[in-house]
Protein backbone atom coordinates (compact mmCIF):
# COMPACT_ATOMS: atom_id res chain seq x y z
CA MET A 1 81.00 33.23 119.08
CA ILE A 2 80.01 36.64 117.64
CA VAL A 3 82.26 38.43 120.10
CA ALA A 4 85.23 36.31 119.05
CA THR A 5 84.52 36.99 115.38
CA LEU A 6 84.25 40.74 116.00
CA ARG A 7 87.51 40.68 117.96
CA ALA A 8 89.26 38.86 115.14
CA ALA A 9 87.87 41.28 112.57
CA PHE A 10 88.94 44.28 114.66
CA ALA A 11 92.42 42.81 115.15
CA GLY A 12 92.69 42.24 111.41
CA LEU A 13 91.71 45.85 110.68
CA ALA A 14 94.21 47.10 113.24
CA VAL A 15 97.00 45.09 111.61
CA LEU A 16 96.06 46.42 108.18
CA GLY A 17 96.00 49.96 109.55
CA LEU A 18 99.45 49.57 111.06
CA ALA A 19 100.74 48.03 107.86
CA ALA A 20 99.43 51.01 105.91
CA CYS A 21 101.21 53.36 108.30
CA GLN A 22 104.46 51.44 107.89
CA SER A 23 104.30 51.44 104.10
CA THR A 24 103.75 55.19 103.81
CA SER A 25 106.24 56.22 106.45
CA SER A 26 109.07 54.39 104.71
CA GLN A 27 108.67 56.58 101.64
CA PRO A 28 110.30 60.00 101.68
CA PRO A 29 107.87 62.93 101.93
CA VAL A 30 106.89 64.56 98.67
CA PRO A 31 108.59 67.95 98.40
CA GLN A 32 106.18 70.86 98.31
CA PRO A 33 106.69 73.62 95.74
CA VAL A 34 108.15 76.77 97.17
CA ALA A 35 107.07 80.10 95.75
CA ALA A 36 109.79 82.60 95.12
CA ALA A 37 109.53 85.54 97.46
CA PRO A 38 108.70 88.73 95.62
CA GLN A 39 111.30 91.44 95.71
CA GLN A 40 110.44 94.09 98.21
CA GLY A 41 108.32 96.78 96.60
CA SER A 42 108.26 95.17 93.16
CA TYR A 43 104.63 94.13 93.34
CA VAL A 44 103.14 97.03 95.28
CA THR A 45 103.65 100.12 93.15
CA ARG A 46 105.12 101.29 89.91
CA PRO A 47 108.57 102.86 90.27
CA ASP A 48 107.19 106.26 89.19
CA PHE A 49 104.24 106.19 91.61
CA ARG A 50 103.82 109.28 93.76
CA LEU A 51 100.88 110.19 95.96
CA PRO A 52 99.42 113.58 95.11
CA GLU A 53 99.67 116.31 97.67
CA GLY A 54 96.78 118.41 98.81
CA ALA A 55 94.78 119.16 101.89
CA GLY A 56 91.28 118.32 102.97
CA CYS A 57 88.88 116.19 101.02
CA THR A 58 90.41 117.22 97.68
CA GLY A 59 93.76 115.75 98.68
CA GLU A 60 92.17 112.63 100.21
CA LEU A 61 90.19 111.92 97.06
CA ALA A 62 93.16 112.59 94.77
CA ARG A 63 95.35 110.23 96.78
CA PHE A 64 92.76 107.44 96.68
CA ARG A 65 92.30 107.91 92.92
CA ALA A 66 96.08 107.61 92.54
CA VAL A 67 96.08 104.39 94.58
CA MET A 68 93.28 102.99 92.42
CA ASP A 69 95.10 103.95 89.21
CA ASN A 70 98.24 102.28 90.55
CA ASP A 71 96.29 99.14 91.49
CA LEU A 72 94.90 98.99 87.96
CA ALA A 73 98.36 99.47 86.43
CA THR A 74 99.91 96.76 88.61
CA GLY A 75 97.06 94.28 88.11
CA HIS A 76 95.72 94.39 91.67
CA VAL A 77 92.27 95.29 90.29
CA ASN A 78 90.77 94.82 86.84
CA ARG A 79 89.21 97.52 84.67
CA GLU A 80 85.68 96.64 85.75
CA VAL A 81 86.42 97.08 89.46
CA HIS A 82 88.44 100.21 88.78
CA GLY A 83 85.51 101.69 86.87
CA ARG A 84 83.05 100.85 89.66
CA VAL A 85 85.29 102.46 92.26
CA LEU A 86 85.64 105.64 90.21
CA ALA A 87 81.88 105.73 89.66
CA ASP A 88 81.35 105.36 93.42
CA LEU A 89 83.74 108.27 94.02
CA ARG A 90 81.52 110.69 92.10
CA GLY A 91 79.33 111.30 95.16
CA PRO A 92 82.18 112.12 97.54
CA GLU A 93 83.85 114.25 94.86
CA ALA A 94 80.65 116.23 94.29
CA ALA A 95 80.25 116.75 98.04
CA CYS A 96 83.86 117.93 98.29
CA ALA A 97 83.43 120.35 95.38
CA ALA A 98 80.30 121.75 97.05
CA GLY A 99 82.23 122.43 100.27
CA ARG A 100 80.77 119.53 102.25
CA ALA A 101 84.09 118.09 103.42
CA GLY A 102 82.62 115.93 106.19
CA GLU A 103 80.18 114.30 103.81
CA ALA A 104 82.95 113.79 101.26
CA SER A 105 85.26 112.15 103.82
CA ALA A 106 82.46 109.88 105.05
CA GLY A 107 81.63 108.91 101.47
CA LEU A 108 85.27 108.18 100.72
CA ARG A 109 85.52 105.99 103.85
CA ALA A 110 82.44 104.06 102.70
CA VAL A 111 83.93 103.49 99.23
CA LYS A 112 87.22 102.31 100.70
CA GLN A 113 85.45 99.90 103.05
CA ARG A 114 83.22 98.58 100.25
CA TYR A 115 86.26 97.58 98.22
CA GLY A 116 88.47 96.43 101.10
CA TYR A 117 90.85 99.38 101.35
CA PRO A 118 91.90 100.68 104.77
CA SER A 119 90.04 103.82 105.71
């Protein structure tokens, strides 16, 4: 008796499940919004952006500062993050100015990694 009741209940649920599938599949799918593709280069840098030249740690640090300034200008980072990055660059810049290029490069790599920039 219980087995027959359970079978009937299961069959009823299966019919309801199939009916639900039929009712939703007859409706057309809801279109998903499509984001407009950004124009190539329009969101990466300002048109006047140029990387500074220079050799050694001085050039490396100047180029990263320029990237950070560009990211601030284009809205990729906010002022707070920009300020923290520049504060973190003080150590590598001091090492570079003191002639410790290896230490400066290692410090710059650490700053880049901390903020998710390729090093």
